Protein backbone atom coordinates (compact mmCIF):
# COMPACT_ATOMS: atom_id res chain seq x y z
CA MET A 1 204.50 243.85 141.83
CA ILE A 2 203.60 245.55 138.33
CA HIS A 3 202.25 249.09 138.79
CA GLU A 4 198.97 249.95 136.95
CA ARG A 5 198.47 253.42 137.75
CA ILE A 6 197.82 255.90 134.80
CA PHE A 7 200.07 258.84 134.13
CA LYS A 8 199.16 262.28 133.07
CA THR A 9 200.63 263.64 129.79
CA ILE A 10 204.31 264.30 130.36
CA ARG A 11 206.80 265.40 127.71
CA VAL A 12 210.41 264.03 128.37
CA SER A 13 213.55 264.75 126.53
CA PHE A 14 216.40 262.44 127.08
CA VAL A 15 220.23 263.57 126.81
CA SER A 16 222.29 260.57 126.14
CA THR A 17 224.13 258.25 123.54
CA TYR A 18 221.66 256.21 121.63
CA LEU A 19 221.38 253.25 119.64
CA PRO A 20 222.71 252.37 116.86
CA ARG A 21 225.80 253.52 118.77
CA ARG A 22 227.56 250.66 120.30
CA CYS A 23 227.60 251.75 124.04
CA GLY A 24 226.06 250.46 127.15
CA ILE A 25 224.36 253.93 128.00
CA ALA A 26 222.82 253.97 124.41
CA THR A 27 221.23 250.45 125.02
CA PHE A 28 219.91 251.59 128.52
CA THR A 29 218.51 254.80 127.14
CA TYR A 30 216.81 252.94 124.14
CA ASP A 31 215.26 250.49 126.62
CA LEU A 32 214.06 253.25 128.92
CA VAL A 33 212.71 255.52 126.14
CA ASN A 34 210.75 252.56 124.86
CA TRP A 35 209.21 251.57 128.28
CA VAL A 36 208.36 255.06 129.25
CA ALA A 37 206.67 255.46 125.80
CA GLU A 38 204.62 252.29 126.33
CA ILE A 39 203.51 253.33 129.92
CA LEU A 40 202.53 256.69 128.45
CA GLY A 41 200.51 254.94 125.85
CA GLU A 42 202.76 255.84 122.91
CA SER A 43 205.41 254.32 120.53
CA SER A 44 208.81 255.79 121.11
CA VAL A 45 209.36 256.21 117.23
CA GLU A 46 205.93 258.20 116.71
CA SER A 47 205.63 259.81 120.21
CA SER A 48 204.83 263.44 120.52
CA LEU A 49 205.83 263.28 124.02
CA LEU A 50 209.28 261.83 123.98
CA GLN A 51 212.54 262.84 121.91
CA ILE A 52 216.15 262.19 122.23
CA LEU A 53 219.03 264.56 122.00
CA ALA A 54 221.85 262.04 121.06
CA ILE A 55 225.61 262.50 121.75
CA ASN A 56 227.81 261.59 118.80
CA ASP A 57 231.47 260.39 118.96
CA THR A 58 231.89 260.76 115.24
CA PRO A 59 231.66 263.65 113.05
CA THR A 60 229.08 261.86 110.87
CA GLY A 61 226.88 260.76 113.52
CA TYR A 62 224.75 257.59 113.23
CA LYS A 63 221.70 256.50 111.36
CA TYR A 64 219.18 257.33 114.10
CA GLY A 65 215.39 256.71 114.12
CA PRO A 66 213.01 259.78 113.90
CA GLU A 67 212.76 260.03 117.79
CA VAL A 68 216.22 261.55 117.87
CA ARG A 69 215.52 265.33 117.20
CA PHE A 70 218.88 266.74 117.88
CA GLU A 71 222.51 265.59 117.84
CA ILE A 72 225.21 266.80 119.87
CA ARG A 73 228.81 266.52 118.61
CA GLU A 74 230.63 265.31 121.75
CA GLN A 75 233.59 267.84 121.40
CA GLN A 76 232.10 270.75 120.13
CA LYS A 77 231.02 273.02 122.96
CA LEU A 78 228.77 275.15 121.12
CA ASP A 79 226.52 272.22 120.49
CA TYR A 80 225.73 271.94 124.00
CA ARG A 81 224.68 275.63 124.43
CA GLU A 82 222.45 275.13 121.25
CA ALA A 83 221.01 271.92 122.83
CA ALA A 84 219.90 273.99 125.76
CA ASP A 85 218.41 276.65 123.42
CA PHE A 86 216.64 273.91 121.63
CA LEU A 87 215.19 272.49 124.76
CA ASN A 88 214.16 275.76 126.33
CA ILE A 89 211.82 276.61 123.28
CA SER A 90 210.53 273.22 123.14
CA GLN A 91 207.24 271.89 124.62
CA THR A 92 209.26 269.26 126.60
CA ASP A 93 208.28 269.33 130.29
CA ILE A 94 211.46 267.55 131.65
CA VAL A 95 215.03 266.61 130.74
CA CYS A 96 216.33 263.42 131.60
CA VAL A 97 220.33 263.33 131.48
CA GLN A 98 222.22 260.12 131.32
CA HIS A 99 225.49 260.93 132.91
CA GLU A 100 228.88 258.77 132.57
CA PHE A 101 232.43 260.26 132.51
CA GLY A 102 233.47 259.88 129.07
CA ILE A 103 230.44 260.33 126.74
CA TYR A 104 230.45 264.29 126.96
CA GLY A 105 233.25 266.61 125.64
CA GLY A 106 235.54 268.64 127.70
CA LYS A 107 237.59 267.86 130.66
CA ASN A 108 235.96 265.13 132.65
CA GLY A 109 232.67 265.91 130.70
CA SER A 110 232.54 269.52 131.62
CA TYR A 111 230.84 270.52 128.47
CA LEU A 112 227.54 268.85 129.80
CA LEU A 113 227.69 271.84 132.42
CA THR A 114 227.26 274.34 129.43
CA LEU A 115 224.03 272.73 128.61
CA LEU A 116 222.70 272.22 132.09
CA GLY A 117 223.71 275.70 133.20
CA ASN A 118 221.57 277.49 130.46
CA LEU A 119 218.64 275.07 130.70
CA LYS A 120 215.45 276.52 132.16
CA LYS A 121 213.64 272.93 132.36
CA PRO A 122 213.46 270.57 135.47
CA VAL A 123 216.29 267.82 135.15
CA VAL A 124 216.54 264.34 136.38
CA THR A 125 219.92 263.01 135.74
CA SER A 126 220.84 259.31 136.03
CA LEU A 127 224.52 258.68 137.40
CA HIS A 128 226.23 255.79 135.75
CA THR A 129 229.32 256.22 137.69
CA VAL A 130 229.99 257.58 141.16
CA LEU A 131 233.72 257.51 141.97
CA GLN A 132 234.77 257.03 145.67
CA ASN A 133 238.22 258.84 144.90
CA PRO A 134 237.64 261.51 142.21
CA SER A 135 240.17 263.97 141.04
CA PRO A 136 239.40 267.36 142.03
CA ASP A 137 238.09 268.29 138.66
CA GLU A 138 236.09 265.13 138.43
CA ALA A 139 234.43 265.92 141.90
CA ARG A 140 233.79 269.73 140.74
CA VAL A 141 232.04 268.48 137.45
CA LEU A 142 229.74 265.75 139.16
CA LYS A 143 229.07 268.32 141.96
CA GLN A 144 227.81 270.67 139.43
CA VAL A 145 225.91 268.42 137.53
CA CYS A 146 224.04 267.31 140.77
CA ASN A 147 223.49 271.00 141.57
CA TYR A 148 221.81 271.73 138.22
CA SER A 149 219.79 268.62 138.50
CA THR A 150 216.29 268.64 140.12
CA LEU A 151 216.76 264.96 141.23
CA VAL A 152 219.56 262.57 140.78
CA VAL A 153 218.88 258.92 140.05
CA VAL A 154 221.45 256.08 141.18
CA GLN A 155 221.37 252.53 140.64
CA ALA A 156 223.09 251.11 143.75
CA GLN A 157 222.83 252.06 147.56
CA LYS A 158 226.53 252.18 147.51
CA ALA A 159 226.11 255.22 144.98
CA VAL A 160 223.56 256.93 147.68
CA GLU A 161 226.23 256.69 150.26
CA LEU A 162 229.13 258.03 147.95
CA LEU A 163 226.89 261.03 146.80
CA THR A 164 226.11 262.16 150.36
CA ASN A 165 229.44 261.65 151.88
CA VAL A 166 232.00 262.47 149.24
CA TYR A 167 230.03 265.05 146.93
CA GLY A 168 227.70 266.48 149.69
CA VAL A 169 224.63 265.84 147.74
CA PRO A 170 221.41 266.14 149.77
CA ARG A 171 219.80 262.65 150.56
CA GLU A 172 216.39 264.16 149.57
CA LYS A 173 217.55 264.96 146.23
CA ILE A 174 218.68 261.17 145.48
CA VAL A 175 216.35 258.67 143.96
CA PHE A 176 217.25 255.00 144.01
CA ILE A 177 216.04 252.98 140.96
CA TYR A 178 217.43 249.82 139.74
CA HIS A 179 219.04 249.29 136.39
CA GLY A 180 216.22 247.86 134.05
CA ALA A 181 216.20 244.38 132.56
CA PRO A 182 213.97 242.26 130.21
CA ASP A 183 210.92 240.53 131.58
CA VAL A 184 212.07 236.92 130.65
CA PRO A 185 210.15 233.75 131.72
CA PHE A 186 211.79 231.24 134.18
CA LEU A 187 212.93 228.64 131.56
CA ASP A 188 215.16 225.61 131.74
CA PRO A 189 218.66 226.36 130.13
CA ALA A 190 218.09 223.42 127.74
CA TYR A 191 215.61 225.52 125.96
CA TYR A 192 217.72 227.26 123.30
CA LYS A 193 221.02 225.41 123.28
CA ASP A 194 220.36 223.46 120.10
CA GLN A 195 220.08 226.96 118.34
CA PHE A 196 223.79 227.70 119.39
CA GLN A 197 225.16 224.04 118.73
CA VAL A 198 225.86 223.46 122.36
CA GLU A 199 222.98 220.80 122.87
CA GLY A 200 223.89 218.33 125.60
CA ARG A 201 226.63 220.61 126.91
CA ARG A 202 226.85 222.86 130.13
CA VAL A 203 227.43 226.35 129.40
CA ILE A 204 229.08 229.31 131.10
CA LEU A 205 228.48 232.62 129.71
CA THR A 206 229.98 236.12 129.99
CA PHE A 207 228.63 238.91 127.67
CA GLY A 208 229.32 242.59 127.13
CA LEU A 209 231.80 244.91 125.29
CA LEU A 210 235.27 243.34 125.57
CA SER A 211 237.91 245.47 127.44
CA PRO A 212 240.89 244.57 129.39
CA ASN A 213 238.96 245.25 132.64
CA LYS A 214 236.78 242.44 132.02
CA GLY A 215 239.05 239.80 133.65
CA ILE A 216 237.93 237.11 130.91
CA GLU A 217 241.51 235.80 130.99
CA PHE A 218 241.00 234.57 134.77
CA VAL A 219 237.88 232.53 133.60
CA ILE A 220 239.84 230.98 130.61
CA GLU A 221 242.73 230.09 133.14
CA ALA A 222 239.85 228.67 135.58
CA MET A 223 238.50 226.66 132.58
CA ALA A 224 241.79 224.75 132.11
CA LYS A 225 241.19 223.07 135.59
CA VAL A 226 237.38 222.75 135.16
CA VAL A 227 237.25 220.64 131.78
CA ALA A 228 239.58 218.16 133.34
CA GLU A 229 236.49 217.14 135.68
CA PHE A 230 233.77 218.34 133.28
CA PRO A 231 234.69 217.70 129.73
CA ASP A 232 231.23 218.63 128.46
CA VAL A 233 231.31 222.26 129.77
CA VAL A 234 231.72 225.24 127.31
CA TYR A 235 232.64 228.93 128.02
CA ILE A 236 231.07 231.28 125.82
CA VAL A 237 232.39 235.05 125.57
CA LEU A 238 229.70 237.09 123.90
CA GLY A 239 230.33 240.52 122.55
CA ALA A 240 232.29 242.73 120.17
CA THR A 241 235.26 244.74 121.22
CA HIS A 242 234.46 248.18 123.15
CA PRO A 243 234.63 250.59 120.30
CA ASN A 244 236.99 253.00 122.08
CA VAL A 245 239.21 250.26 122.92
CA LYS A 246 239.27 248.95 119.37
CA LEU A 247 240.02 252.64 118.08
CA HIS A 248 243.01 252.84 120.18
CA TRP A 249 244.33 249.35 120.45
CA GLY A 250 242.64 247.39 117.99
CA GLU A 251 241.74 243.81 118.83
CA ALA A 252 244.84 243.19 121.13
CA TYR A 253 242.84 242.20 124.08
CA ARG A 254 240.72 239.78 122.06
CA LEU A 255 243.84 238.20 120.34
CA SER A 256 245.57 237.91 123.74
CA LEU A 257 242.38 235.80 125.03
CA GLU A 258 242.48 233.57 121.92
CA ARG A 259 246.30 233.16 122.35
CA LEU A 260 245.56 231.99 126.02
CA VAL A 261 242.84 229.56 124.92
CA LYS A 262 245.16 227.80 122.44
CA GLU A 263 248.05 227.80 125.02
CA LYS A 264 245.71 226.04 127.22
CA LYS A 265 244.37 223.71 124.72
CA LEU A 266 240.89 225.02 125.38
CA THR A 267 239.61 225.46 121.66
CA GLU A 268 236.98 222.82 122.17
CA HIS A 269 235.79 224.56 125.31
CA VAL A 270 235.80 228.35 124.82
CA ILE A 271 233.90 229.97 122.11
CA PHE A 272 234.08 233.88 121.16
CA HIS A 273 231.11 235.68 119.49
CA ASN A 274 232.84 238.83 118.39
CA ARG A 275 229.44 240.56 117.40
CA PHE A 276 226.89 243.05 119.03
CA VAL A 277 223.86 241.00 119.19
CA SER A 278 220.33 242.10 119.43
CA PRO A 279 218.24 242.18 122.72
CA GLU A 280 216.24 239.25 121.56
CA GLU A 281 219.42 236.95 120.61
CA LEU A 282 220.96 238.33 124.08
CA ILE A 283 218.00 236.79 126.04
CA LYS A 284 218.28 233.51 124.29
CA PHE A 285 222.09 233.36 125.22
CA LEU A 286 221.17 234.18 128.77
CA ILE A 287 218.43 231.56 129.06
CA MET A 288 220.64 228.72 127.49
CA SER A 289 223.50 229.29 130.06
CA ASP A 290 223.87 227.15 132.94
CA ILE A 291 226.20 229.68 134.83
CA TYR A 292 226.82 233.24 134.47
CA VAL A 293 230.19 234.86 135.43
CA THR A 294 231.22 238.28 135.82
CA PRO A 295 235.14 238.43 136.57
CA TYR A 296 235.56 242.24 136.42
CA LEU A 297 238.71 243.44 137.92
CA ALA A 298 237.64 246.90 139.30
CA LYS A 299 236.08 247.12 142.84
CA GLU A 300 234.65 250.54 142.28
CA GLN A 301 232.12 249.46 139.46
CA ILE A 302 228.97 250.74 140.72
CA VAL A 303 226.50 249.29 138.10
CA SER A 304 226.66 246.66 135.60
CA GLY A 305 223.86 246.10 133.11
CA THR A 306 225.10 242.78 132.21
CA LEU A 307 224.80 241.49 135.80
CA THR A 308 221.23 243.01 136.03
CA TYR A 309 220.31 241.13 133.07
CA ALA A 310 221.77 237.82 134.42
CA VAL A 311 219.85 238.30 137.78
CA ALA A 312 216.65 239.08 136.03
CA CYS A 313 216.79 236.16 134.16
CA GLY A 314 217.34 233.85 136.86
CA LYS A 315 220.89 232.79 136.36
CA ALA A 316 223.42 230.95 138.68
CA ILE A 317 225.84 233.70 139.10
CA ILE A 318 229.59 233.74 140.23
CA SER A 319 231.03 237.12 140.12
CA THR A 320 234.15 239.09 141.74
CA PRO A 321 232.93 241.47 144.48
CA TYR A 322 232.65 244.59 142.87
CA TRP A 323 230.37 247.22 144.65
CA TYR A 324 227.45 246.32 142.50
CA ALA A 325 227.91 242.64 142.57
CA GLU A 326 228.03 242.61 146.43
CA GLU A 327 224.54 244.30 146.32
CA LEU A 328 222.93 242.44 143.93
CA LEU A 329 224.11 238.95 144.88
CA ALA A 330 223.75 239.40 148.58
CA ASP A 331 221.44 237.01 150.63
CA GLN A 332 222.69 234.15 148.81
CA ARG A 333 221.69 235.23 145.42
CA GLY A 334 224.92 234.47 144.02
CA ILE A 335 228.73 233.72 144.69
CA LEU A 336 231.51 235.98 145.21
CA VAL A 337 235.18 235.07 144.49
CA PRO A 338 238.29 237.20 144.96
CA PHE A 339 239.52 239.43 142.16
CA ARG A 340 242.21 237.88 139.89
CA ASP A 341 241.75 234.37 141.47
CA SER A 342 241.36 231.82 138.69
CA ASP A 343 241.68 228.95 141.29
CA ALA A 344 238.76 230.28 143.23
CA LEU A 345 236.80 230.48 139.92
CA ALA A 346 237.57 227.02 139.26
CA LYS A 347 236.39 225.65 142.44
CA LYS A 348 233.19 227.56 142.45
CA ILE A 349 232.49 226.71 138.81
CA SER A 350 233.11 223.01 139.67
CA PHE A 351 230.95 223.17 142.70
CA LEU A 352 227.86 224.49 140.91
CA LEU A 353 228.32 222.29 137.96
CA GLU A 354 228.53 219.20 140.32
CA ASP A 355 225.47 220.37 142.45
CA GLU A 356 222.32 221.02 140.27
CA THR A 357 220.36 221.59 143.38
CA GLU A 358 222.44 224.54 144.47
CA ARG A 359 222.28 225.90 140.90
CA ASN A 360 218.60 225.86 140.89
CA ARG A 361 218.45 227.39 144.36
CA LEU A 362 220.78 230.36 143.08
CA ARG A 363 218.48 230.61 140.03
CA LYS A 364 215.29 231.03 141.84
CA ARG A 365 216.51 233.47 144.44
CA ALA A 366 218.11 235.56 141.64
CA TYR A 367 214.84 235.32 139.47
CA GLN A 368 212.51 236.28 142.40
CA PHE A 369 214.83 239.21 143.28
CA GLY A 370 214.98 240.35 139.69
CA ARG A 371 211.49 240.91 139.26
CA GLN A 372 211.67 244.46 140.69
CA MET A 373 214.23 245.23 138.05
CA ILE A 374 212.21 244.53 134.79
CA TRP A 375 211.74 247.43 132.58
CA ARG A 376 208.11 248.17 133.24
CA GLU A 377 208.88 248.51 136.70
CA VAL A 378 211.99 250.66 136.36
CA ALA A 379 210.27 252.82 133.57
CA THR A 380 207.25 253.36 135.80
CA THR A 381 209.48 254.57 138.93
CA TYR A 382 211.24 256.91 136.45
CA THR A 383 207.89 258.35 135.28
CA GLU A 384 207.08 258.89 138.91
CA THR A 385 210.16 260.47 139.40
CA PHE A 386 209.62 262.77 136.37
CA GLU A 387 206.41 263.80 137.96
CA ARG A 388 207.85 264.46 141.45
CA ALA A 389 210.68 266.55 139.86
CA LEU A 390 208.13 268.84 137.81
CA LYS A 391 206.42 269.47 141.29
CA ILE A 392 209.72 270.40 143.00
CA TYR A 393 210.74 272.51 140.08
CA GLY A 394 207.24 274.17 140.06
CA GLN A 395 207.61 274.84 143.87
CA MET A 396 210.85 276.71 143.34
CA GLY A 397 210.54 280.66 143.29
CA MET A 398 211.70 282.61 140.46
CA PRO A 399 214.43 284.37 142.30
CA ALA A 400 215.91 280.72 143.09
CA LEU A 401 215.66 279.61 139.63
CA VAL A 402 217.56 282.60 138.40
CA ARG A 403 220.21 282.42 141.22
CA ARG A 404 221.05 278.63 140.12
CA ARG A 405 221.70 279.73 136.54
CA VAL A 406 225.20 280.58 135.38
CA ILE A 407 226.05 283.32 133.27
CA PRO A 408 226.14 281.96 129.45
CA GLN A 409 229.80 281.52 128.22
CA PHE A 410 229.89 282.00 124.52
CA SER A 411 231.95 279.45 122.74
CA LEU A 412 234.52 280.11 120.00
CA PRO A 413 233.64 279.27 116.50
CA GLU A 414 234.01 275.50 115.47
CA VAL A 415 237.37 274.66 114.38
CA ARG A 416 237.54 273.36 110.66
CA LEU A 417 240.29 271.42 109.18
CA ASN A 418 239.46 272.26 105.52
CA TYR A 419 242.37 274.69 104.94
CA LEU A 420 244.83 272.58 106.70
CA LYS A 421 243.89 269.73 104.51
CA LEU A 422 244.14 271.77 101.39
CA LEU A 423 247.88 272.85 102.32
CA THR A 424 248.77 269.36 103.01
CA ASP A 425 249.94 266.57 100.54
CA ASN A 426 251.59 263.24 101.14
CA THR A 427 254.76 264.83 102.10
CA GLY A 428 253.77 267.49 104.49
CA ILE A 429 252.22 271.01 104.87
CA ILE A 430 253.34 273.47 102.06
CA GLN A 431 255.26 276.23 103.28
CA HIS A 432 253.39 279.32 101.49
CA THR A 433 250.52 280.36 99.56
CA ILE A 434 249.40 282.75 97.01
CA PHE A 435 246.20 283.84 98.54
CA THR A 436 244.72 280.54 99.36
CA ILE A 437 246.40 278.68 96.82
CA PRO A 438 249.38 276.57 97.73
CA ASN A 439 252.74 277.71 96.37
CA ARG A 440 254.80 274.81 95.43
CA PHE A 441 257.87 276.84 94.54
CA HIS A 442 258.82 277.35 98.07
CA GLY A 443 258.27 273.68 99.06
CA TYR A 444 258.14 272.73 102.82
CA CYS A 445 259.98 273.38 105.97
CA THR A 446 260.20 271.63 109.37
CA ASP A 447 259.21 274.81 111.16
CA ASP A 448 255.64 274.55 109.62
CA ASN A 449 255.32 270.89 109.90
CA ALA A 450 256.23 271.11 113.54
CA ARG A 451 253.66 273.70 114.08
CA ALA A 452 251.03 271.39 112.15
CA ALA A 453 251.72 268.44 114.11
CA LEU A 454 251.14 270.52 117.19
CA VAL A 455 247.82 271.59 115.89
CA ALA A 456 246.87 267.99 114.97
CA ALA A 457 247.80 266.74 118.42
CA MET A 458 245.78 269.41 120.03
CA ASN A 459 242.84 269.01 117.98
CA TRP A 460 242.77 265.26 118.72
CA HIS A 461 242.91 266.04 122.39
CA LEU A 462 240.07 268.43 122.18
CA PHE A 463 237.65 267.08 119.63
CA LYS A 464 238.45 263.36 119.13
CA ASP A 465 238.11 263.98 115.35
CA THR A 466 239.41 260.93 113.53
CA ASP A 467 239.90 263.10 110.40
CA ILE A 468 243.10 264.74 112.03
CA ILE A 469 244.90 260.99 112.68
CA PRO A 470 246.11 260.92 109.06
CA LEU A 471 247.36 264.39 108.91
CA LEU A 472 249.25 263.79 112.07
CA HIS A 473 250.93 260.84 110.56
CA THR A 474 251.96 263.01 107.81
CA TYR A 475 253.52 265.69 109.91
CA LEU A 476 255.38 263.17 112.00
CA SER A 477 256.71 261.37 109.03
CA PHE A 478 258.09 264.56 107.66
CA LEU A 479 259.70 265.30 111.16
CA HIS A 480 261.29 261.77 111.00
CA HIS A 481 262.62 262.34 107.67
CA ALA A 482 263.81 265.86 108.53
CA PHE A 483 265.92 264.46 111.62
CA ASP A 484 269.48 263.61 110.96
CA GLU A 485 270.39 260.97 113.49
CA GLU A 486 274.33 261.24 113.14
CA LYS A 487 274.19 265.11 113.80
CA ARG A 488 271.19 264.73 116.12
CA TRP A 489 269.65 268.13 114.44
CA PHE A 490 266.80 268.76 112.32
CA ARG A 491 267.17 270.06 108.71
CA ASN A 492 264.48 272.77 107.93
CA PHE A 493 263.88 273.50 104.29
CA MET A 494 262.97 271.00 101.64
CA SER A 495 262.13 271.69 98.16
CA TYR A 496 258.96 270.52 96.49
CA GLU A 497 260.86 267.80 94.64
CA ARG A 498 261.60 266.48 98.21
CA ASP A 499 265.44 267.64 98.16
CA TRP A 500 266.97 268.86 101.39
CA MET A 501 268.17 272.42 100.97
CA GLU A 502 270.43 272.47 103.90
CA GLU A 503 272.62 270.13 106.09
CA VAL A 504 271.48 271.61 109.40
CA GLY A 505 268.36 273.67 110.28
CA SER A 506 267.98 276.58 112.67
CA GLU A 507 267.65 276.33 116.44
CA ASP A 508 264.18 277.47 116.12
CA CYS A 509 263.03 274.57 113.76
CA HIS A 510 264.62 272.14 116.27
CA GLY A 511 262.97 273.68 119.15
CA ARG A 512 259.59 273.64 117.60
CA ALA A 513 260.06 270.05 116.29
CA LEU A 514 260.62 269.16 120.09
CA TRP A 515 257.74 270.97 121.30
CA ALA A 516 255.45 269.27 118.60
CA LEU A 517 256.88 265.95 119.58
CA GLY A 518 256.46 266.33 123.48
CA THR A 519 252.86 267.39 122.75
CA THR A 520 252.35 264.30 120.46
CA VAL A 521 253.42 262.12 123.49
CA GLU A 522 251.18 264.01 125.93
CA TYR A 523 247.99 263.64 123.49
CA ALA A 524 249.01 260.62 121.39
CA THR A 525 246.04 258.97 119.61
CA ASP A 526 247.35 255.47 120.14
CA GLU A 527 250.30 253.46 121.47
CA LYS A 528 252.01 253.34 118.14
CA ILE A 529 252.13 257.20 117.73
CA LEU A 530 253.13 257.21 121.45
CA ALA A 531 256.11 254.94 120.85
CA PHE A 532 257.19 256.86 117.87
CA ALA A 533 256.89 260.23 119.36
CA THR A 534 258.58 259.29 122.40
CA ARG A 535 261.56 257.77 120.63
CA MET A 536 262.03 260.89 118.32
CA PHE A 537 261.86 263.32 121.53
CA GLU A 538 264.60 261.36 123.26
CA GLN A 539 266.81 261.48 120.17
CA ALA A 540 266.40 265.13 119.55
CA LEU A 541 266.33 266.25 123.24
CA GLU A 542 270.40 266.31 123.86
CA THR A 543 271.00 268.92 121.22
CA CYS A 544 268.55 271.38 123.05
CA GLU A 545 271.10 272.44 126.02
CA SER A 546 273.55 273.68 123.20
CA PHE A 547 270.98 276.30 122.04
CA THR A 548 271.89 280.08 122.42
CA ALA A 549 268.94 281.85 121.55
CA PRO A 550 265.81 282.60 123.87
CA ARG A 551 262.96 281.27 121.53
CA PRO A 552 264.48 277.98 120.96
CA TRP A 553 264.91 277.53 124.75
CA ALA A 554 261.26 278.58 125.06
CA TYR A 555 260.26 275.99 122.39
CA SER A 556 262.23 273.41 124.01
CA ILE A 557 260.98 273.97 127.65
CA LEU A 558 257.56 273.74 126.41
CA GLY A 559 258.22 270.40 124.64
CA CYS A 560 259.97 269.06 127.71
CA ILE A 561 256.83 270.04 130.03
CA THR A 562 254.47 268.44 127.84
CA TYR A 563 256.52 265.45 127.55
CA LEU A 564 256.79 265.27 131.43
CA ARG A 565 253.00 265.45 131.74
CA ARG A 566 252.92 261.92 130.33
CA PHE A 567 256.22 260.66 131.63
CA GLY A 568 256.84 262.60 134.92
CA GLY A 569 259.60 260.63 136.01
CA ALA A 570 261.61 261.48 132.75
CA SER A 571 264.93 262.89 134.29
CA ASP A 572 266.70 264.00 130.97
CA ALA A 573 263.52 266.09 129.95
CA ARG A 574 263.35 267.41 133.43
CA ARG A 575 267.04 268.34 133.70
CA CYS A 576 266.78 270.04 130.22
CA ALA A 577 263.72 271.90 131.25
CA GLU A 578 265.35 273.21 134.30
CA ILE A 579 268.66 274.22 132.58
CA LEU A 580 266.92 276.07 129.70
CA THR A 581 264.44 277.82 132.19
CA HIS A 582 267.30 279.01 134.42
CA ARG A 583 268.92 280.55 131.14
CA LEU A 584 265.81 282.21 130.24
CA MET A 585 265.32 283.76 133.80
CA GLU A 586 268.82 285.01 133.81
CA LEU A 587 268.30 286.71 130.41
CA PHE A 588 265.10 288.70 131.78
CA SER A 589 266.96 289.34 135.04
CA ALA A 590 269.74 290.73 133.15
CA ASN A 591 267.71 293.12 130.63
CA CYS A 592 264.40 293.98 132.20
CA SER A 593 263.54 297.14 134.09
CA ASN A 594 260.43 298.88 135.41
CA GLU A 595 260.38 300.86 132.11
CA TRP A 596 260.95 297.75 129.87
CA PRO A 597 260.02 294.45 131.30
CA TRP A 598 261.41 292.22 128.51
CA CYS A 599 264.78 290.18 127.86
CA GLU A 600 265.74 291.62 124.84
CA ASP A 601 266.32 295.21 123.50
CA ILE A 602 263.42 294.75 120.99
CA LEU A 603 260.26 292.81 120.20
CA THR A 604 260.75 290.62 117.36
CA TYR A 605 258.77 287.42 116.49
CA ASP A 606 256.73 284.91 118.56
CA ASN A 607 257.30 286.85 121.90
CA ALA A 608 254.43 285.18 123.56
CA ARG A 609 256.46 281.94 123.81
CA LEU A 610 258.99 283.19 126.28
CA PRO A 611 256.65 284.03 129.23
CA GLN A 612 254.44 281.11 128.36
CA ALA A 613 257.43 278.93 128.76
CA LEU A 614 258.36 280.39 132.22
CA ILE A 615 254.85 280.15 133.45
CA VAL A 616 254.32 276.55 132.35
CA ALA A 617 257.86 275.74 133.66
CA GLY A 618 257.11 277.42 136.96
CA GLN A 619 253.96 275.60 137.37
CA TRP A 620 255.55 272.17 136.71
CA LEU A 621 258.84 272.77 138.32
CA LYS A 622 257.93 274.45 141.52
């Protein structure tokens, strides 16, 4: 089955996440690059033909190898335009993009369109997720990605069906290539068991980055039934917690699994390996497992690298029936059980533990099928696809190439936090400066700390820069201290010595604080901040209906609408927004004319907030 053809020289640039970043797409790309390099007769590290443009989710990036020639900061739109310029002037022949919703910046990864729209090279895009019921914006982004791509690669036949029927991608533009897997000999599971202290025991394995959609808890519940009949069995859960899950929720999911193990008295039968293992060690874990289980909870999962590896290694597999599993385990190559059904899992695990003949039959069928999925096969097909895309692109006339390009959209300058950090101490943001020097004589105010909290929450939403989180904590802490729970009102001015200079602040400061809290609720960095901001918002809300001036009304409306975007059923916030919007509209109706379309006799400060509040409220409350 192995291809032996020789390819002409072809220069390829890969746009993707990349190792050492802990991400399934990064691992996939690393393997693909190395095998394409081998097929082209080069080393990926020293290759003059291959290069990587790596997507960073942290400001400092990662310690990449020399094959990474350009780094794109995920949430900096200008970087995508510069990446296109970098590729356009390079000698690269073709660009291979790995697409997944969540690794590119902008809403639903829309910043990738800036790169693709300004690129003057043929593009082969690998789609790792194809949604059956996308939101309008998700559909728009993926359609545009496919439109900019010369060819589109998918890893499941279901994805071919979805692309044609849901997204309108022409069938001739779609290439089916399996997810790659290592070339592993068909070995007895006992081969490596002594290295992992499970010699003489039967091993069930699940591996991959941990997250709540993995369904591990259902296997643990099944194990409580299995060990009664097979006391030698052990279930190994291999893999670190997914970095994004860990960032937002810490180890809550893993700890819940560990508590379940203790509750079920399975500490001798369930082993957690909380680490990111090397490919070599992963293969040893796979070989020594007797049964491999993927208990995933989402039907729509269109590809799974872990399941691909298990099939290629010739494992007896039990899985829930997500799309990719249904395809790979068809024709009796594995066993499917219903979602969230620990009883069914227990029965099938016990069945395979008892019937060694059936286990070996499943192993052989999986291994034979998996030979077409080994990396040499997959990388060869990718290289053939690159050549095909080059040919198609070369046949496109110049007018067609020009028409498919978007007009370049220039990005705003990069947002820097240096000055915000300079003005902020451990109390809050200083109210005034002398030129750029913080002026401590004027102390602090709730107005400015509310503004700063608003900036911090929106910065997190746009750029996911973790440097902003400590600042957000500081500003929220100031607002908390400023709020008088008895009076249900914010104080405004605080001296540098941290003494409050008034008992009750202005309507403006209260409205701005509510706006900041609502925005923090909408864009909360984690559940703790969400809970804190929600509680404060609810406490401060009732005062807003007593306001008498239009700007506090506007700030409060904006706060209510941002809160409603997170909690659409919040009736108190909705009622307050409706009441204040009605008042603001009445003020406009009473004062504006054709010659003076305004709600007051003069223009004063923060005028734009009034029409902004009406527009936002009109969109939400229609």
